[in-house]
């Protein structure tokens, strides 16, 4: 696996926004994704490390380890069937369309996720960075059912408040960081506006349809697959002539240097070596 030194994330980015179409990823006949990495967004994706927008129709990855980050599964409502999530903490959960599973691996834990037979999973897999203060915490996880996610109303638009706070409404709370996640559905002629802290970074992925996003310092046309990140926004407004679907992540940047090696993110290479040694020796637990 490649080791990535991302020292520039520890400083304030010079750019106000960055765009990327990511890259396609296909594994076997049952997994295809568009994957987006922090290095493509010039520090503006912080605290996110990676996002995979994926479809899965058959088990692909098997049991694997994570450490130094949270691995978050965001199920879209058009998924079909169940997506089984298991981990070395003893959790065994079937995710339904619209659910979320937050797996804070921290000092290291095992994870296994796979479609149930006949299922078609449409989802995001998100790696959220952890600060040095929390990187060696005990692992923990929580499951959020779609029925418990509040909905916000816009003008011919709705948004699922999956995490965080918006318009005086409280969604679920992410561990260790005040992250807001909105799953936004715009009807034809729809508009939705979100107000937040200008010190937070915003990362937006258009999922379907054409839309426009405007914020304090600019605007951009959104089309499926072309993600955008920016800073310095108080109001973020989405509009669409024909209807669109997009997701918005908003959180304060950590601005801490880290080193990533595959599913691990740590403060330095020695910590990564130690985690890999623990994994090889079976010290990260097991999934029965």
Protein backbone atom coordinates (compact mmCIF):
# COMPACT_ATOMS: atom_id res chain seq x y z
CA UNK A 1 0.00 0.00 0.00
CA UNK A 2 1.15 3.53 -0.68
CA UNK A 3 1.93 5.83 2.20
CA UNK A 4 0.71 9.38 1.72
CA UNK A 5 2.22 12.32 3.60
CA UNK A 6 -0.35 15.11 3.74
CA UNK A 7 1.50 17.78 5.72
CA UNK A 8 -0.19 20.58 3.81
CA UNK A 9 -3.53 19.74 5.49
CA UNK A 10 -2.11 21.16 8.70
CA UNK A 11 -2.27 24.70 7.29
CA UNK A 12 -5.02 26.91 5.95
CA UNK A 13 -5.54 26.18 2.22
CA UNK A 14 -4.77 29.03 -0.17
CA UNK A 15 -7.61 28.12 -2.54
CA UNK A 16 -11.25 28.98 -1.87
CA UNK A 17 -12.65 25.93 -3.68
CA UNK A 18 -11.60 22.80 -5.55
CA UNK A 19 -13.37 20.35 -7.87
CA UNK A 20 -12.71 16.74 -8.81
CA UNK A 21 -14.44 14.03 -10.80
CA UNK A 22 -12.62 11.38 -8.76
CA UNK A 23 -11.73 8.13 -10.44
CA UNK A 24 -13.71 4.99 -11.28
CA UNK A 25 -13.15 1.82 -9.28
CA UNK A 26 -14.50 -1.59 -10.22
CA UNK A 27 -13.88 -4.84 -8.33
CA UNK A 28 -15.22 -8.03 -9.86
CA UNK A 29 -18.78 -8.07 -11.13
CA UNK A 30 -20.41 -6.90 -7.90
CA UNK A 31 -18.79 -3.58 -6.98
CA UNK A 32 -18.40 -0.32 -8.85
CA UNK A 33 -17.64 3.10 -7.43
CA UNK A 34 -16.43 6.60 -8.06
CA UNK A 35 -13.79 7.36 -5.45
CA UNK A 36 -12.64 10.76 -4.17
CA UNK A 37 -9.45 11.36 -2.15
CA UNK A 38 -8.39 14.26 0.06
CA UNK A 39 -5.34 15.08 -2.07
CA UNK A 40 -7.63 16.06 -4.96
CA UNK A 41 -9.21 18.92 -2.98
CA UNK A 42 -6.12 20.88 -1.83
CA UNK A 43 -6.88 20.55 1.88
CA UNK A 44 -10.53 21.59 1.55
CA UNK A 45 -11.89 18.05 2.06
CA UNK A 46 -10.48 18.01 5.62
CA UNK A 47 -11.71 16.32 7.89
CA UNK A 48 -12.82 13.80 5.25
CA UNK A 49 -10.08 11.53 3.93
CA UNK A 50 -11.93 9.56 1.26
CA UNK A 51 -15.43 9.05 -0.11
CA UNK A 52 -16.54 6.14 -2.29
CA UNK A 53 -19.88 6.55 -4.06
CA UNK A 54 -20.64 2.90 -4.75
CA UNK A 55 -23.04 0.23 -5.92
CA UNK A 56 -22.64 -3.31 -4.58
CA UNK A 57 -24.60 -6.40 -5.60
CA UNK A 58 -22.46 -9.15 -4.09
CA UNK A 59 -19.91 -9.50 -1.25
CA UNK A 60 -16.60 -7.98 -2.30
CA UNK A 61 -14.11 -7.13 0.45
CA UNK A 62 -14.24 -9.69 3.24
CA UNK A 63 -13.09 -8.88 6.76
CA UNK A 64 -10.63 -5.98 6.92
CA UNK A 65 -9.11 -3.63 9.49
CA UNK A 66 -9.40 0.12 10.07
CA UNK A 67 -7.49 2.37 12.44
CA UNK A 68 -7.05 6.09 13.13
CA UNK A 69 -10.31 7.05 11.42
CA UNK A 70 -14.06 6.46 11.30
CA UNK A 71 -15.51 4.40 8.44
CA UNK A 72 -19.05 5.62 7.78
CA UNK A 73 -21.66 3.93 5.59
CA UNK A 74 -24.41 6.23 4.29
CA UNK A 75 -27.20 4.25 2.63
CA UNK A 76 -29.27 5.98 -0.03
CA UNK A 77 -33.01 5.48 -0.03
CA UNK A 78 -33.05 3.83 -3.46
CA UNK A 79 -30.99 0.89 -2.19
CA UNK A 80 -32.72 -2.48 -2.39
CA UNK A 81 -32.50 -5.11 0.30
CA UNK A 82 -30.15 -5.28 3.27
CA UNK A 83 -26.46 -4.43 3.66
CA UNK A 84 -24.96 -6.48 6.48
CA UNK A 85 -22.41 -4.71 8.72
CA UNK A 86 -20.35 -6.67 11.24
CA UNK A 87 -17.39 -5.61 13.36
CA UNK A 88 -15.04 -6.90 16.03
CA UNK A 89 -17.01 -4.97 18.67
CA UNK A 90 -19.70 -7.64 18.40
CA UNK A 91 -22.15 -5.69 16.25
CA UNK A 92 -24.08 -7.48 13.51
CA UNK A 93 -26.53 -5.11 11.82
CA UNK A 94 -28.54 -5.28 8.63
CA UNK A 95 -28.63 -1.77 7.19
CA UNK A 96 -31.83 -0.85 5.37
CA UNK A 97 -32.22 1.80 2.65
CA UNK A 98 -31.62 5.26 4.16
CA UNK A 99 -29.70 4.00 7.22
CA UNK A 100 -26.28 5.12 8.48
CA UNK A 101 -23.56 3.11 10.25
CA UNK A 102 -20.73 5.00 11.97
CA UNK A 103 -17.73 2.78 12.78
CA UNK A 104 -15.10 4.66 14.77
CA UNK A 105 -12.12 2.34 14.46
CA UNK A 106 -9.73 4.63 16.41
CA UNK A 107 -6.90 2.46 17.81
CA UNK A 108 -7.94 -0.41 15.56
CA UNK A 109 -10.81 -2.80 14.87
CA UNK A 110 -12.11 -5.19 12.23
CA UNK A 111 -15.01 -4.58 9.85
CA UNK A 112 -17.00 -6.66 7.40
CA UNK A 113 -19.79 -5.39 5.16
CA UNK A 114 -21.62 -7.18 2.38
CA UNK A 115 -24.91 -7.23 0.55
CA UNK A 116 -27.46 -9.82 1.51
CA UNK A 117 -28.42 -12.18 -1.35
CA UNK A 118 -30.44 -10.36 -4.00
CA UNK A 119 -29.70 -6.90 -2.57
CA UNK A 120 -28.44 -3.87 -4.48
CA UNK A 121 -26.68 -1.38 -2.23
CA UNK A 122 -26.35 2.25 -3.32
CA UNK A 123 -24.33 4.12 -0.71
CA UNK A 124 -21.36 6.19 0.33
CA UNK A 125 -18.37 4.83 2.22
CA UNK A 126 -16.72 7.75 3.98
CA UNK A 127 -13.42 7.83 5.86
CA UNK A 128 -13.54 10.62 8.46
CA UNK A 129 -10.22 11.60 10.00
CA UNK A 130 -9.68 11.60 13.75
CA UNK A 131 -7.63 14.16 15.62
CA UNK A 132 -4.47 13.05 17.41
CA UNK A 133 -6.45 13.44 20.64
CA UNK A 134 -8.93 10.71 19.61
CA UNK A 135 -6.89 8.52 17.29
CA UNK A 136 -6.08 6.03 20.05
CA UNK A 137 -9.54 5.94 21.65
CA UNK A 138 -11.36 2.68 22.18
CA UNK A 139 -13.37 1.72 19.06
CA UNK A 140 -17.11 2.35 19.04
CA UNK A 141 -19.99 2.24 16.58
CA UNK A 142 -23.62 3.23 16.19
CA UNK A 143 -26.46 2.44 13.80
CA UNK A 144 -28.92 5.14 12.77
CA UNK A 145 -32.19 3.93 11.23
CA UNK A 146 -33.75 5.88 8.37
CA UNK A 147 -36.97 6.29 10.36
CA UNK A 148 -35.06 8.29 12.99
CA UNK A 149 -33.59 10.81 10.53
CA UNK A 150 -35.47 14.14 10.48
CA UNK A 151 -36.44 15.82 7.20
CA UNK A 152 -36.10 19.50 6.43
CA UNK A 153 -38.30 21.32 3.95
CA UNK A 154 -37.11 23.73 1.27
CA UNK A 155 -38.86 25.26 -1.69
CA UNK A 156 -39.93 22.15 -3.67
CA UNK A 157 -37.09 20.36 -1.91
CA UNK A 158 -36.44 18.12 1.09
CA UNK A 159 -33.24 17.23 2.93
CA UNK A 160 -32.61 14.35 5.29
CA UNK A 161 -30.62 15.69 8.25
CA UNK A 162 -28.55 12.56 8.73
CA UNK A 163 -26.06 14.15 11.14
CA UNK A 164 -25.64 17.48 12.87
CA UNK A 165 -27.84 20.57 13.21
CA UNK A 166 -29.71 22.68 10.68
CA UNK A 167 -32.62 25.14 10.80
CA UNK A 168 -33.00 24.63 14.55
CA UNK A 169 -33.37 20.86 14.09
CA UNK A 170 -30.99 18.36 15.68
CA UNK A 171 -30.00 15.17 13.93
CA UNK A 172 -27.74 12.43 15.24
CA UNK A 173 -24.36 13.45 16.67
CA UNK A 174 -21.13 12.25 15.11
CA UNK A 175 -18.39 11.23 17.56
CA UNK A 176 -15.66 13.77 18.29
CA UNK A 177 -16.54 16.30 15.58
CA UNK A 178 -19.58 18.53 14.85
CA UNK A 179 -20.18 17.15 11.37
CA UNK A 180 -23.38 17.95 9.49
CA UNK A 181 -24.55 15.62 6.72
CA UNK A 182 -27.51 16.54 4.51
CA UNK A 183 -28.99 14.22 1.87
CA UNK A 184 -30.79 16.69 -0.41
CA UNK A 185 -33.55 15.99 -2.93
CA UNK A 186 -34.52 18.84 -5.25
CA UNK A 187 -37.69 18.63 -7.31
CA UNK A 188 -38.02 20.52 -10.59
CA UNK A 189 -37.65 24.22 -9.80
CA UNK A 190 -36.55 23.36 -6.26
CA UNK A 191 -34.29 25.31 -3.93
CA UNK A 192 -32.72 24.42 -0.59
CA UNK A 193 -30.51 26.65 1.57
CA UNK A 194 -28.35 25.62 4.50
CA UNK A 195 -26.82 28.08 6.95
CA UNK A 196 -23.72 27.21 8.91
CA UNK A 197 -20.37 28.27 10.31
CA UNK A 198 -18.08 30.03 7.83
CA UNK A 199 -15.08 28.39 9.52
CA UNK A 200 -16.30 24.94 8.47
CA UNK A 201 -15.30 23.21 5.25
CA UNK A 202 -18.04 22.03 2.87
CA UNK A 203 -17.81 19.00 0.57
CA UNK A 204 -20.61 18.34 -1.93
CA UNK A 205 -21.25 15.34 -4.14
CA UNK A 206 -23.91 15.59 -6.86
CA UNK A 207 -25.54 12.16 -7.09
CA UNK A 208 -28.12 12.66 -9.85
CA UNK A 209 -29.45 15.48 -12.00
CA UNK A 210 -28.09 18.95 -12.76
CA UNK A 211 -28.08 21.68 -10.13
CA UNK A 212 -26.36 24.91 -9.14
CA UNK A 213 -24.73 25.58 -5.78
CA UNK A 214 -24.05 29.12 -4.59
CA UNK A 215 -22.21 30.26 -1.49
CA UNK A 216 -20.84 33.50 -0.12
CA UNK A 217 -17.80 33.61 -2.39
CA UNK A 218 -19.05 31.99 -5.59
CA UNK A 219 -21.18 29.48 -7.43
CA UNK A 220 -20.74 26.32 -9.47
CA UNK A 221 -22.77 24.08 -11.72
CA UNK A 222 -23.22 20.61 -10.30
CA UNK A 223 -23.46 17.48 -12.38
CA UNK A 224 -23.32 13.86 -11.25
CA UNK A 225 -19.88 12.73 -10.17
CA UNK A 226 -18.15 16.11 -10.07
CA UNK A 227 -17.55 16.88 -6.38
CA UNK A 228 -16.71 20.31 -5.01
CA UNK A 229 -15.15 21.46 -1.75
CA UNK A 230 -14.93 25.00 -0.43
CA UNK A 231 -14.40 27.09 2.67
CA UNK A 232 -15.64 30.42 3.98
CA UNK A 233 -19.35 29.82 3.39
CA UNK A 234 -22.15 30.90 5.68
CA UNK A 235 -25.11 30.22 3.36
CA UNK A 236 -25.01 27.34 0.88
CA UNK A 237 -27.90 27.27 -1.57
CA UNK A 238 -28.87 24.53 -4.05
CA UNK A 239 -31.24 24.97 -6.98
CA UNK A 240 -32.29 22.82 -9.92
CA UNK A 241 -34.49 23.36 -12.97
CA UNK A 242 -35.27 19.69 -13.59
CA UNK A 243 -34.60 18.05 -10.21
CA UNK A 244 -31.42 16.72 -8.62
CA UNK A 245 -29.96 14.73 -5.73
CA UNK A 246 -26.84 15.84 -3.82
CA UNK A 247 -25.15 15.32 -0.46
CA UNK A 248 -23.45 17.97 1.66
CA UNK A 249 -20.85 17.34 4.36
CA UNK A 250 -19.92 20.28 6.55
CA UNK A 251 -17.45 20.22 9.45
CA UNK A 252 -14.56 22.13 11.02
CA UNK A 253 -11.20 21.13 9.53
CA UNK A 254 -8.70 19.40 11.81
CA UNK A 255 -5.65 20.97 10.13
CA UNK A 256 -3.46 18.22 11.57
CA UNK A 257 -0.85 16.41 9.51
CA UNK A 258 -1.38 12.67 9.15
CA UNK A 259 -0.05 9.71 7.22
CA UNK A 260 -2.43 7.35 5.40
CA UNK A 261 -1.75 3.80 4.33
CA UNK A 262 -4.84 2.19 2.85
CA UNK A 263 -7.50 1.81 5.59
CA UNK A 264 -5.23 3.29 8.28
CA UNK A 265 -4.51 6.94 9.13
CA UNK A 266 -2.01 7.81 11.84
CA UNK A 267 0.25 10.63 12.93
CA UNK A 268 3.45 9.06 11.60
CA UNK A 269 4.81 5.99 9.82
CA UNK A 270 5.89 4.32 13.08
CA UNK A 271 2.29 4.33 14.32
CA UNK A 272 1.16 2.82 11.02
CA UNK A 273 3.77 0.07 11.33
CA UNK A 274 2.57 -0.67 14.86
CA UNK A 275 -1.08 -0.96 13.75
CA UNK A 276 -0.16 -3.27 10.89
CA UNK A 277 1.82 -5.43 13.32
CA UNK A 278 -1.17 -5.59 15.67
CA UNK A 279 -3.43 -6.59 12.78
CA UNK A 280 -1.04 -9.31 11.59
CA UNK A 281 -0.76 -10.68 15.13
CA UNK A 282 -4.54 -10.83 15.58
CA UNK A 283 -4.61 -8.20 18.31
CA UNK A 284 -7.46 -6.18 16.72
CA UNK A 285 -10.06 -8.78 17.67
CA UNK A 286 -12.11 -11.05 15.47
CA UNK A 287 -15.45 -11.36 13.72
CA UNK A 288 -17.09 -14.72 14.35
